[in-house]
Amino acid sequence: MDGYSHQSRFLNKAALLEADLGGIKAVILNHGHPDNFLGLVELLKLIGKERDKGVSLDLHPDVFLERRTNNPSIGPPVTMPSLDEGILIEAGVFPIKSKRTLQIANSFIHTT
């Protein structure tokens, strides 16, 4: 599935829920599976445009690592799409990389 399809689905669901995407202040990625970042750049651009400023993107540095799926019954390992830091920076999003626990929602939620 390409990033556009993922983005379209997300934006359609957000519209159905009447979600205010302009109210998003930060996005957190704690791992780099494609289902977590496909369409992310477009979403961050949209949010930034609505708010007229960028959105914080906090992430674990390992989200940029190459990922593979390995299922011996179907053949050799297959490389999965990887998040590209350069594309984020080109979009005006500057990731904040940290391996430390991040406290959000008035410290009710902790993520790594």
PDB file of N, CA and C in Angstrom:
ATOM      1  N   MET A   1       0.850  -1.176   0.000  1.00  0.00           N
ATOM      2  CA  MET A   1       0.000   0.000   0.000  1.00  0.00           C
ATOM      3  C   MET A   1       0.894   1.237   0.000  1.00  0.00           C
ATOM      4  N   ASP A   2       0.618   2.182  -0.868  1.00  0.00           N
ATOM      5  CA  ASP A   2       1.454   3.370  -0.934  1.00  0.00           C
ATOM      6  C   ASP A   2       1.025   4.393   0.115  1.00  0.00           C
ATOM      7  N   GLY A   3       1.866   5.393   0.338  1.00  0.00           N
ATOM      8  CA  GLY A   3       1.606   6.422   1.335  1.00  0.00           C
ATOM      9  C   GLY A   3       0.331   7.196   1.058  1.00  0.00           C
ATOM     10  N   TYR A   4       0.018   7.429  -0.238  1.00  0.00           N
ATOM     11  CA  TYR A   4      -1.176   8.200  -0.562  1.00  0.00           C
ATOM     12  C   TYR A   4      -2.436   7.457  -0.114  1.00  0.00           C
ATOM     13  N   SER A   5      -2.490   6.160  -0.369  1.00  0.00           N
ATOM     14  CA  SER A   5      -3.654   5.374   0.035  1.00  0.00           C
ATOM     15  C   SER A   5      -3.835   5.419   1.548  1.00  0.00           C
ATOM     16  N   HIS A   6      -2.725   5.288   2.268  1.00  0.00           N
ATOM     17  CA  HIS A   6      -2.777   5.347   3.724  1.00  0.00           C
ATOM     18  C   HIS A   6      -3.280   6.708   4.183  1.00  0.00           C
ATOM     19  N   GLN A   7      -2.756   7.764   3.544  1.00  0.00           N
ATOM     20  CA  GLN A   7      -3.154   9.127   3.903  1.00  0.00           C
ATOM     21  C   GLN A   7      -4.630   9.324   3.628  1.00  0.00           C
ATOM     22  N   SER A   8      -5.092   8.890   2.468  1.00  0.00           N
ATOM     23  CA  SER A   8      -6.497   9.071   2.108  1.00  0.00           C
ATOM     24  C   SER A   8      -7.412   8.394   3.111  1.00  0.00           C
ATOM     25  N   ARG A   9      -7.080   7.178   3.494  1.00  0.00           N
ATOM     26  CA  ARG A   9      -7.896   6.463   4.478  1.00  0.00           C
ATOM     27  C   ARG A   9      -7.933   7.211   5.802  1.00  0.00           C
ATOM     28  N   PHE A  10      -6.756   7.637   6.243  1.00  0.00           N
ATOM     29  CA  PHE A  10      -6.675   8.347   7.517  1.00  0.00           C
ATOM     30  C   PHE A  10      -7.505   9.626   7.478  1.00  0.00           C
ATOM     31  N   LEU A  11      -7.327  10.421   6.420  1.00  0.00           N
ATOM     32  CA  LEU A  11      -8.041  11.689   6.325  1.00  0.00           C
ATOM     33  C   LEU A  11      -9.542  11.475   6.191  1.00  0.00           C
ATOM     34  N   ASN A  12      -9.947  10.429   5.478  1.00  0.00           N
ATOM     35  CA  ASN A  12     -11.384  10.122   5.376  1.00  0.00           C
ATOM     36  C   ASN A  12     -11.969   9.745   6.733  1.00  0.00           C
ATOM     37  N   LYS A  13     -11.255   8.927   7.478  1.00  0.00           N
ATOM     38  CA  LYS A  13     -11.731   8.542   8.810  1.00  0.00           C
ATOM     39  C   LYS A  13     -11.773   9.747   9.741  1.00  0.00           C
ATOM     40  N   ALA A  14     -10.749  10.606   9.658  1.00  0.00           N
ATOM     41  CA  ALA A  14     -10.727  11.808  10.491  1.00  0.00           C
ATOM     42  C   ALA A  14     -11.918  12.699  10.165  1.00  0.00           C
ATOM     43  N   ALA A  15     -12.253  12.821   8.887  1.00  0.00           N
ATOM     44  CA  ALA A  15     -13.403  13.644   8.481  1.00  0.00           C
ATOM     45  C   ALA A  15     -14.702  13.046   9.001  1.00  0.00           C
ATOM     46  N   LEU A  16     -14.839  11.721   8.922  1.00  0.00           N
ATOM     47  CA  LEU A  16     -16.053  11.067   9.426  1.00  0.00           C
ATOM     48  C   LEU A  16     -16.225  11.286  10.923  1.00  0.00           C
ATOM     49  N   LEU A  17     -15.114  11.299  11.640  1.00  0.00           N
ATOM     50  CA  LEU A  17     -15.146  11.508  13.092  1.00  0.00           C
ATOM     51  C   LEU A  17     -15.172  12.987  13.460  1.00  0.00           C
ATOM     52  N   GLU A  18     -15.119  13.845  12.436  1.00  0.00           N
ATOM     53  CA  GLU A  18     -15.061  15.292  12.635  1.00  0.00           C
ATOM     54  C   GLU A  18     -13.898  15.682  13.548  1.00  0.00           C
ATOM     55  N   ALA A  19     -12.771  14.986  13.358  1.00  0.00           N
ATOM     56  CA  ALA A  19     -11.567  15.250  14.153  1.00  0.00           C
ATOM     57  C   ALA A  19     -10.909  16.537  13.687  1.00  0.00           C
ATOM     58  N   ASP A  20     -10.466  17.330  14.614  1.00  0.00           N
ATOM     59  CA  ASP A  20      -9.776  18.582  14.317  1.00  0.00           C
ATOM     60  C   ASP A  20      -8.284  18.300  14.221  1.00  0.00           C
ATOM     61  N   LEU A  21      -7.806  18.005  13.011  1.00  0.00           N
ATOM     62  CA  LEU A  21      -6.389  17.695  12.834  1.00  0.00           C
ATOM     63  C   LEU A  21      -5.516  18.902  13.131  1.00  0.00           C
ATOM     64  N   GLY A  22      -6.055  20.095  12.986  1.00  0.00           N
ATOM     65  CA  GLY A  22      -5.300  21.296  13.303  1.00  0.00           C
ATOM     66  C   GLY A  22      -4.987  21.416  14.780  1.00  0.00           C
ATOM     67  N   GLY A  23      -5.693  20.641  15.605  1.00  0.00           N
ATOM     68  CA  GLY A  23      -5.460  20.665  17.042  1.00  0.00           C
ATOM     69  C   GLY A  23      -4.333  19.756  17.493  1.00  0.00           C
ATOM     70  N   ILE A  24      -3.793  18.967  16.562  1.00  0.00           N
ATOM     71  CA  ILE A  24      -2.688  18.066  16.910  1.00  0.00           C
ATOM     72  C   ILE A  24      -1.441  18.902  17.179  1.00  0.00           C
ATOM     73  N   LYS A  25      -0.850  18.717  18.337  1.00  0.00           N
ATOM     74  CA  LYS A  25       0.336  19.488  18.720  1.00  0.00           C
ATOM     75  C   LYS A  25       1.623  18.696  18.528  1.00  0.00           C
ATOM     76  N   ALA A  26       1.519  17.373  18.600  1.00  0.00           N
ATOM     77  CA  ALA A  26       2.720  16.549  18.488  1.00  0.00           C
ATOM     78  C   ALA A  26       2.342  15.167  17.979  1.00  0.00           C
ATOM     79  N   VAL A  27       3.303  14.531  17.345  1.00  0.00           N
ATOM     80  CA  VAL A  27       3.157  13.154  16.892  1.00  0.00           C
ATOM     81  C   VAL A  27       4.325  12.385  17.486  1.00  0.00           C
ATOM     82  N   ILE A  28       4.044  11.168  17.950  1.00  0.00           N
ATOM     83  CA  ILE A  28       5.073  10.334  18.560  1.00  0.00           C
ATOM     84  C   ILE A  28       5.162   9.026  17.789  1.00  0.00           C
ATOM     85  N   LEU A  29       6.377   8.643  17.413  1.00  0.00           N
ATOM     86  CA  LEU A  29       6.625   7.340  16.797  1.00  0.00           C
ATOM     87  C   LEU A  29       7.603   6.584  17.677  1.00  0.00           C
ATOM     88  N   ASN A  30       7.215   5.410  18.137  1.00  0.00           N
ATOM     89  CA  ASN A  30       8.137   4.658  18.980  1.00  0.00           C
ATOM     90  C   ASN A  30       8.726   3.448  18.259  1.00  0.00           C
ATOM     91  N   HIS A  31       8.286   3.203  17.022  1.00  0.00           N
ATOM     92  CA  HIS A  31       8.928   2.187  16.194  1.00  0.00           C
ATOM     93  C   HIS A  31       8.631   2.491  14.736  1.00  0.00           C
ATOM     94  N   GLY A  32       9.407   1.873  13.848  1.00  0.00           N
ATOM     95  CA  GLY A  32       9.378   2.273  12.451  1.00  0.00           C
ATOM     96  C   GLY A  32       8.680   1.335  11.495  1.00  0.00           C
ATOM     97  N   HIS A  33       7.586   0.718  11.907  1.00  0.00           N
ATOM     98  CA  HIS A  33       6.843  -0.117  10.969  1.00  0.00           C
ATOM     99  C   HIS A  33       6.086   0.761   9.983  1.00  0.00           C
ATOM    100  N   PRO A  34       6.024   0.364   8.718  1.00  0.00           N
ATOM    101  CA  PRO A  34       5.386   1.196   7.705  1.00  0.00           C
ATOM    102  C   PRO A  34       3.940   1.576   8.021  1.00  0.00           C
ATOM    103  N   ASP A  35       3.196   0.714   8.683  1.00  0.00           N
ATOM    104  CA  ASP A  35       1.802   1.066   8.980  1.00  0.00           C
ATOM    105  C   ASP A  35       1.698   2.208   9.982  1.00  0.00           C
ATOM    106  N   ASN A  36       2.816   2.584  10.582  1.00  0.00           N
ATOM    107  CA  ASN A  36       2.825   3.708  11.512  1.00  0.00           C
ATOM    108  C   ASN A  36       3.268   5.016  10.871  1.00  0.00           C
ATOM    109  N   PHE A  37       3.936   4.955   9.713  1.00  0.00           N
ATOM    110  CA  PHE A  37       4.428   6.206   9.135  1.00  0.00           C
ATOM    111  C   PHE A  37       3.991   6.477   7.705  1.00  0.00           C
ATOM    112  N   LEU A  38       3.386   5.521   7.004  1.00  0.00           N
ATOM    113  CA  LEU A  38       2.946   5.812   5.640  1.00  0.00           C
ATOM    114  C   LEU A  38       1.891   6.915   5.676  1.00  0.00           C
ATOM    115  N   GLY A  39       2.098   7.954   4.913  1.00  0.00           N
ATOM    116  CA  GLY A  39       1.188   9.094   4.905  1.00  0.00           C
ATOM    117  C   GLY A  39       1.517  10.137   5.961  1.00  0.00           C
ATOM    118  N   LEU A  40       2.507   9.861   6.806  1.00  0.00           N
ATOM    119  CA  LEU A  40       2.847  10.772   7.901  1.00  0.00           C
ATOM    120  C   LEU A  40       3.317  12.140   7.399  1.00  0.00           C
ATOM    121  N   VAL A  41       4.171  12.147   6.394  1.00  0.00           N
ATOM    122  CA  VAL A  41       4.704  13.421   5.896  1.00  0.00           C
ATOM    123  C   VAL A  41       3.567  14.313   5.403  1.00  0.00           C
ATOM    124  N   GLU A  42       2.644  13.736   4.642  1.00  0.00           N
ATOM    125  CA  GLU A  42       1.525  14.512   4.129  1.00  0.00           C
ATOM    126  C   GLU A  42       0.639  15.019   5.260  1.00  0.00           C
ATOM    127  N   LEU A  43       0.420  14.178   6.258  1.00  0.00           N
ATOM    128  CA  LEU A  43      -0.379  14.592   7.412  1.00  0.00           C
ATOM    129  C   LEU A  43       0.289  15.752   8.151  1.00  0.00           C
ATOM    130  N   LEU A  44       1.595  15.646   8.384  1.00  0.00           N
ATOM    131  CA  LEU A  44       2.308  16.703   9.087  1.00  0.00           C
ATOM    132  C   LEU A  44       2.307  18.011   8.290  1.00  0.00           C
ATOM    133  N   LYS A  45       2.419  17.902   6.965  1.00  0.00           N
ATOM    134  CA  LYS A  45       2.333  19.102   6.122  1.00  0.00           C
ATOM    135  C   LYS A  45       0.951  19.750   6.258  1.00  0.00           C
ATOM    136  N   LEU A  46      -0.097  18.925   6.222  1.00  0.00           N
ATOM    137  CA  LEU A  46      -1.461  19.427   6.339  1.00  0.00           C
ATOM    138  C   LEU A  46      -1.682  20.113   7.684  1.00  0.00           C
ATOM    139  N   ILE A  47      -1.254  19.478   8.751  1.00  0.00           N
ATOM    140  CA  ILE A  47      -1.419  20.041  10.085  1.00  0.00           C
ATOM    141  C   ILE A  47      -0.640  21.353  10.200  1.00  0.00           C
ATOM    142  N   GLY A  48       0.606  21.335   9.710  1.00  0.00           N
ATOM    143  CA  GLY A  48       1.431  22.534   9.766  1.00  0.00           C
ATOM    144  C   GLY A  48       0.810  23.687   8.992  1.00  0.00           C
ATOM    145  N   LYS A  49       0.214  23.384   7.853  1.00  0.00           N
ATOM    146  CA  LYS A  49      -0.423  24.419   7.042  1.00  0.00           C
ATOM    147  C   LYS A  49      -1.634  24.992   7.767  1.00  0.00           C
ATOM    148  N   GLU A  50      -2.441  24.119   8.408  1.00  0.00           N
ATOM    149  CA  GLU A  50      -3.629  24.574   9.136  1.00  0.00           C
ATOM    150  C   GLU A  50      -3.250  25.438  10.335  1.00  0.00           C
ATOM    151  N   ARG A  51      -2.143  25.108  10.983  1.00  0.00           N
ATOM    152  CA  ARG A  51      -1.734  25.836  12.182  1.00  0.00           C
ATOM    153  C   ARG A  51      -0.743  26.942  11.873  1.00  0.00           C
ATOM    154  N   ASP A  52      -0.279  26.991  10.625  1.00  0.00           N
ATOM    155  CA  ASP A  52       0.718  27.957  10.188  1.00  0.00           C
ATOM    156  C   ASP A  52       2.023  27.823  10.970  1.00  0.00           C
ATOM    157  N   LYS A  53       2.277  26.634  11.468  1.00  0.00           N
ATOM    158  CA  LYS A  53       3.570  26.336  12.083  1.00  0.00           C
ATOM    159  C   LYS A  53       3.726  24.828  12.152  1.00  0.00           C
ATOM    160  N   GLY A  54       4.934  24.383  12.357  1.00  0.00           N
ATOM    161  CA  GLY A  54       5.226  22.966  12.357  1.00  0.00           C
ATOM    162  C   GLY A  54       4.661  22.227  13.560  1.00  0.00           C
ATOM    163  N   VAL A  55       4.716  20.924  13.453  1.00  0.00           N
ATOM    164  CA  VAL A  55       4.245  20.032  14.503  1.00  0.00           C
ATOM    165  C   VAL A  55       5.454  19.286  15.049  1.00  0.00           C
ATOM    166  N   SER A  56       5.494  19.113  16.345  1.00  0.00           N
ATOM    167  CA  SER A  56       6.575  18.368  16.972  1.00  0.00           C
ATOM    168  C   SER A  56       6.460  16.893  16.599  1.00  0.00           C
ATOM    169  N   LEU A  57       7.565  16.297  16.196  1.00  0.00           N
ATOM    170  CA  LEU A  57       7.603  14.873  15.896  1.00  0.00           C
ATOM    171  C   LEU A  57       8.663  14.244  16.781  1.00  0.00           C
ATOM    172  N   ASP A  58       8.227  13.583  17.838  1.00  0.00           N
ATOM    173  CA  ASP A  58       9.128  12.909  18.765  1.00  0.00           C
ATOM    174  C   ASP A  58       9.215  11.448  18.354  1.00  0.00           C
ATOM    175  N   LEU A  59      10.440  10.947  18.285  1.00  0.00           N
ATOM    176  CA  LEU A  59      10.583   9.561  17.858  1.00  0.00           C
ATOM    177  C   LEU A  59      11.823   8.920  18.437  1.00  0.00           C
ATOM    178  N   HIS A  60      11.788   7.604  18.438  1.00  0.00           N
ATOM    179  CA  HIS A  60      12.957   6.820  18.822  1.00  0.00           C
ATOM    180  C   HIS A  60      13.865   6.781  17.596  1.00  0.00           C
ATOM    181  N   PRO A  61      15.169   6.968  17.754  1.00  0.00           N
ATOM    182  CA  PRO A  61      16.060   7.001  16.590  1.00  0.00           C
ATOM    183  C   PRO A  61      16.010   5.731  15.740  1.00  0.00           C
ATOM    184  N   ASP A  62      15.605   4.614  16.321  1.00  0.00           N
ATOM    185  CA  ASP A  62      15.552   3.359  15.572  1.00  0.00           C
ATOM    186  C   ASP A  62      14.424   3.308  14.543  1.00  0.00           C
ATOM    187  N   VAL A  63      13.531   4.313  14.527  1.00  0.00           N
ATOM    188  CA  VAL A  63      12.458   4.283  13.522  1.00  0.00           C
ATOM    189  C   VAL A  63      13.029   4.361  12.109  1.00  0.00           C
ATOM    190  N   PHE A  64      14.273   4.842  11.961  1.00  0.00           N
ATOM    191  CA  PHE A  64      14.877   4.984  10.637  1.00  0.00           C
ATOM    192  C   PHE A  64      15.604   3.720  10.170  1.00  0.00           C
ATOM    193  N   LEU A  65      15.685   2.701  11.019  1.00  0.00           N
ATOM    194  CA  LEU A  65      16.388   1.474  10.649  1.00  0.00           C
ATOM    195  C   LEU A  65      15.653   0.729   9.538  1.00  0.00           C
ATOM    196  N   GLU A  66      16.429  -0.001   8.733  1.00  0.00           N
ATOM    197  CA  GLU A  66      15.825  -0.848   7.704  1.00  0.00           C
ATOM    198  C   GLU A  66      15.049  -1.978   8.373  1.00  0.00           C
ATOM    199  N   ARG A  67      13.886  -2.277   7.832  1.00  0.00           N
ATOM    200  CA  ARG A  67      13.045  -3.354   8.369  1.00  0.00           C
ATOM    201  C   ARG A  67      12.884  -4.426   7.294  1.00  0.00           C
ATOM    202  N   ARG A  68      12.791  -5.670   7.752  1.00  0.00           N
ATOM    203  CA  ARG A  68      12.535  -6.793   6.849  1.00  0.00           C
ATOM    204  C   ARG A  68      11.473  -7.685   7.458  1.00  0.00           C
ATOM    205  N   THR A  69      10.742  -8.315   6.594  1.00  0.00           N
ATOM    206  CA  THR A  69       9.810  -9.335   7.053  1.00  0.00           C
ATOM    207  C   THR A  69      10.368 -10.672   6.585  1.00  0.00           C
ATOM    208  N   ASN A  70      10.302 -11.660   7.456  1.00  0.00           N
ATOM    209  CA  ASN A  70      10.887 -12.957   7.148  1.00  0.00           C
ATOM    210  C   ASN A  70       9.845 -14.046   7.355  1.00  0.00           C
ATOM    211  N   ASN A  71       9.429 -14.648   6.259  1.00  0.00           N
ATOM    212  CA  ASN A  71       8.495 -15.771   6.316  1.00  0.00           C
ATOM    213  C   ASN A  71       9.070 -16.855   5.416  1.00  0.00           C
ATOM    214  N   PRO A  72       9.805 -17.825   6.007  1.00  0.00           N
ATOM    215  CA  PRO A  72      10.489 -18.842   5.199  1.00  0.00           C
ATOM    216  C   PRO A  72       9.560 -19.613   4.261  1.00  0.00           C
ATOM    217  N   SER A  73       8.285 -19.678   4.586  1.00  0.00           N
ATOM    218  CA  SER A  73       7.376 -20.444   3.723  1.00  0.00           C
ATOM    219  C   SER A  73       7.092 -19.739   2.396  1.00  0.00           C
ATOM    220  N   ILE A  74       7.374 -18.430   2.311  1.00  0.00           N
ATOM    221  CA  ILE A  74       7.126 -17.728   1.050  1.00  0.00           C
ATOM    222  C   ILE A  74       8.407 -17.281   0.355  1.00  0.00           C
ATOM    223  N   GLY A  75       9.556 -17.514   0.988  1.00  0.00           N
ATOM    224  CA  GLY A  75      10.816 -17.172   0.336  1.00  0.00           C
ATOM    225  C   GLY A  75      11.744 -16.377   1.223  1.00  0.00           C
ATOM    226  N   PRO A  76      12.721 -15.725   0.592  1.00  0.00           N
ATOM    227  CA  PRO A  76      13.728 -14.974   1.361  1.00  0.00           C
ATOM    228  C   PRO A  76      13.121 -13.734   2.016  1.00  0.00           C
ATOM    229  N   PRO A  77      13.836 -13.156   2.991  1.00  0.00           N
ATOM    230  CA  PRO A  77      13.340 -11.931   3.645  1.00  0.00           C
ATOM    231  C   PRO A  77      13.068 -10.822   2.625  1.00  0.00           C
ATOM    232  N   VAL A  78      12.043 -10.033   2.906  1.00  0.00           N
ATOM    233  CA  VAL A  78      11.643  -8.929   2.036  1.00  0.00           C
ATOM    234  C   VAL A  78      11.868  -7.630   2.798  1.00  0.00           C
ATOM    235  N   THR A  79      12.549  -6.668   2.147  1.00  0.00           N
ATOM    236  CA  THR A  79      12.779  -5.364   2.766  1.00  0.00           C
ATOM    237  C   THR A  79      11.480  -4.568   2.740  1.00  0.00           C
ATOM    238  N   MET A  80      11.141  -3.963   3.874  1.00  0.00           N
ATOM    239  CA  MET A  80       9.939  -3.149   3.995  1.00  0.00           C
ATOM    240  C   MET A  80      10.319  -1.680   3.810  1.00  0.00           C
ATOM    241  N   PRO A  81       9.340  -0.826   3.482  1.00  0.00           N
ATOM    242  CA  PRO A  81       9.650   0.605   3.372  1.00  0.00           C
ATOM    243  C   PRO A  81      10.195   1.142   4.697  1.00  0.00           C
ATOM    244  N   SER A  82      11.119   2.097   4.590  1.00  0.00           N
ATOM    245  CA  SER A  82      11.707   2.732   5.771  1.00  0.00           C
ATOM    246  C   SER A  82      11.367   4.213   5.769  1.00  0.00           C
ATOM    247  N   LEU A  83      11.260   4.760   6.960  1.00  0.00           N
ATOM    248  CA  LEU A  83      11.039   6.190   7.095  1.00  0.00           C
ATOM    249  C   LEU A  83      12.330   6.915   6.749  1.00  0.00           C
ATOM    250  N   ASP A  84      12.231   7.954   5.941  1.00  0.00           N
ATOM    251  CA  ASP A  84      13.391   8.703   5.478  1.00  0.00           C
ATOM    252  C   ASP A  84      13.438  10.049   6.192  1.00  0.00           C
ATOM    253  N   GLU A  85      14.460  10.251   7.015  1.00  0.00           N
ATOM    254  CA  GLU A  85      14.586  11.496   7.770  1.00  0.00           C
ATOM    255  C   GLU A  85      14.705  12.704   6.843  1.00  0.00           C
ATOM    256  N   GLY A  86      15.372  12.533   5.708  1.00  0.00           N
ATOM    257  CA  GLY A  86      15.529  13.630   4.758  1.00  0.00           C
ATOM    258  C   GLY A  86      14.197  14.145   4.231  1.00  0.00           C
ATOM    259  N   ILE A  87      13.255  13.239   3.998  1.00  0.00           N
ATOM    260  CA  ILE A  87      11.931  13.643   3.508  1.00  0.00           C
ATOM    261  C   ILE A  87      11.194  14.436   4.582  1.00  0.00           C
ATOM    262  N   LEU A  88      11.363  14.032   5.836  1.00  0.00           N
ATOM    263  CA  LEU A  88      10.736  14.783   6.928  1.00  0.00           C
ATOM    264  C   LEU A  88      11.282  16.207   6.976  1.00  0.00           C
ATOM    265  N   ILE A  89      12.591  16.338   6.889  1.00  0.00           N
ATOM    266  CA  ILE A  89      13.230  17.653   6.963  1.00  0.00           C
ATOM    267  C   ILE A  89      12.820  18.520   5.773  1.00  0.00           C
ATOM    268  N   GLU A  90      12.758  17.916   4.567  1.00  0.00           N
ATOM    269  CA  GLU A  90      12.295  18.654   3.386  1.00  0.00           C
ATOM    270  C   GLU A  90      10.870  19.167   3.575  1.00  0.00           C
ATOM    271  N   ALA A  91      10.057  18.421   4.328  1.00  0.00           N
ATOM    272  CA  ALA A  91       8.663  18.810   4.565  1.00  0.00           C
ATOM    273  C   ALA A  91       8.546  19.851   5.679  1.00  0.00           C
ATOM    274  N   GLY A  92       9.689  20.233   6.265  1.00  0.00           N
ATOM    275  CA  GLY A  92       9.656  21.237   7.325  1.00  0.00           C
ATOM    276  C   GLY A  92       9.425  20.659   8.705  1.00  0.00           C
ATOM    277  N   VAL A  93       9.592  19.348   8.835  1.00  0.00           N
ATOM    278  CA  VAL A  93       9.420  18.671  10.123  1.00  0.00           C
ATOM    279  C   VAL A  93      10.801  18.259  10.616  1.00  0.00           C
ATOM    280  N   PHE A  94      11.135  18.680  11.825  1.00  0.00           N
ATOM    281  CA  PHE A  94      12.442  18.354  12.370  1.00  0.00           C
ATOM    282  C   PHE A  94      12.261  17.387  13.542  1.00  0.00           C
ATOM    283  N   PRO A  95      12.561  16.108  13.299  1.00  0.00           N
ATOM    284  CA  PRO A  95      12.331  15.098  14.329  1.00  0.00           C
ATOM    285  C   PRO A  95      13.185  15.312  15.572  1.00  0.00           C
ATOM    286  N   ILE A  96      12.573  15.049  16.699  1.00  0.00           N
ATOM    287  CA  ILE A  96      13.272  15.095  17.980  1.00  0.00           C
ATOM    288  C   ILE A  96      13.528  13.649  18.365  1.00  0.00           C
ATOM    289  N   LYS A  97      14.799  13.236  18.274  1.00  0.00           N
ATOM    290  CA  LYS A  97      15.153  11.837  18.518  1.00  0.00           C
ATOM    291  C   LYS A  97      15.560  11.646  19.972  1.00  0.00           C
ATOM    292  N   SER A  98      14.980  10.623  20.591  1.00  0.00           N
ATOM    293  CA  SER A  98      15.329  10.338  21.977  1.00  0.00           C
ATOM    294  C   SER A  98      15.068   8.871  22.290  1.00  0.00           C
ATOM    295  N   LYS A  99      15.967   8.281  23.045  1.00  0.00           N
ATOM    296  CA  LYS A  99      15.786   6.909  23.511  1.00  0.00           C
ATOM    297  C   LYS A  99      15.181   6.882  24.911  1.00  0.00           C
ATOM    298  N   ARG A 100      14.972   8.062  25.478  1.00  0.00           N
ATOM    299  CA  ARG A 100      14.408   8.139  26.829  1.00  0.00           C
ATOM    300  C   ARG A 100      12.889   7.997  26.817  1.00  0.00           C
ATOM    301  N   THR A 101      12.352   7.644  27.947  1.00  0.00           N
ATOM    302  CA  THR A 101      10.900   7.582  28.111  1.00  0.00           C
ATOM    303  C   THR A 101      10.336   8.984  27.965  1.00  0.00           C
ATOM    304  N   LEU A 102       9.245   9.089  27.236  1.00  0.00           N
ATOM    305  CA  LEU A 102       8.588  10.370  27.017  1.00  0.00           C
ATOM    306  C   LEU A 102       7.270  10.369  27.783  1.00  0.00           C
ATOM    307  N   GLN A 103       7.066  11.381  28.602  1.00  0.00           N
ATOM    308  CA  GLN A 103       5.822  11.490  29.366  1.00  0.00           C
ATOM    309  C   GLN A 103       4.902  12.464  28.653  1.00  0.00           C
ATOM    310  N   ILE A 104       3.676  12.009  28.389  1.00  0.00           N
ATOM    311  CA  ILE A 104       2.689  12.852  27.716  1.00  0.00           C
ATOM    312  C   ILE A 104       1.375  12.812  28.478  1.00  0.00           C
ATOM    313  N   ALA A 105       0.437  13.647  28.085  1.00  0.00           N
ATOM    314  CA  ALA A 105      -0.888  13.701  28.706  1.00  0.00           C
ATOM    315  C   ALA A 105      -0.765  13.900  30.221  1.00  0.00           C
ATOM    316  N   ASN A 106      -0.059  14.965  30.588  1.00  0.00           N
ATOM    317  CA  ASN A 106       0.159  15.285  32.006  1.00  0.00           C
ATOM    318  C   ASN A 106       0.745  14.112  32.779  1.00  0.00           C
ATOM    319  N   SER A 107       1.674  13.410  32.126  1.00  0.00           N
ATOM    320  CA  SER A 107       2.404  12.271  32.702  1.00  0.00           C
ATOM    321  C   SER A 107       1.528  11.039  32.948  1.00  0.00           C
ATOM    322  N   PHE A 108       0.352  10.994  32.353  1.00  0.00           N
ATOM    323  CA  PHE A 108      -0.485   9.802  32.473  1.00  0.00           C
ATOM    324  C   PHE A 108      -0.031   8.701  31.523  1.00  0.00           C
ATOM    325  N   ILE A 109       0.677   9.070  30.467  1.00  0.00           N
ATOM    326  CA  ILE A 109       1.129   8.105  29.468  1.00  0.00           C
ATOM    327  C   ILE A 109       2.642   8.235  29.350  1.00  0.00           C
ATOM    328  N   HIS A 110       3.310   7.082  29.335  1.00  0.00           N
ATOM    329  CA  HIS A 110       4.757   7.034  29.146  1.00  0.00           C
ATOM    330  C   HIS A 110       5.014   6.178  27.917  1.00  0.00           C
ATOM    331  N   THR A 111       5.883   6.665  27.030  1.00  0.00           N
ATOM    332  CA  THR A 111       6.217   5.905  25.837  1.00  0.00           C
ATOM    333  C   THR A 111       7.718   5.948  25.636  1.00  0.00           C
ATOM    334  N   THR A 112       8.236   4.978  24.910  1.00  0.00           N
ATOM    335  CA  THR A 112       9.668   4.950  24.597  1.00  0.00           C
ATOM    336  C   THR A 112       9.851   5.002  23.102  1.00  0.00           C
TER     337      THR A 112
END
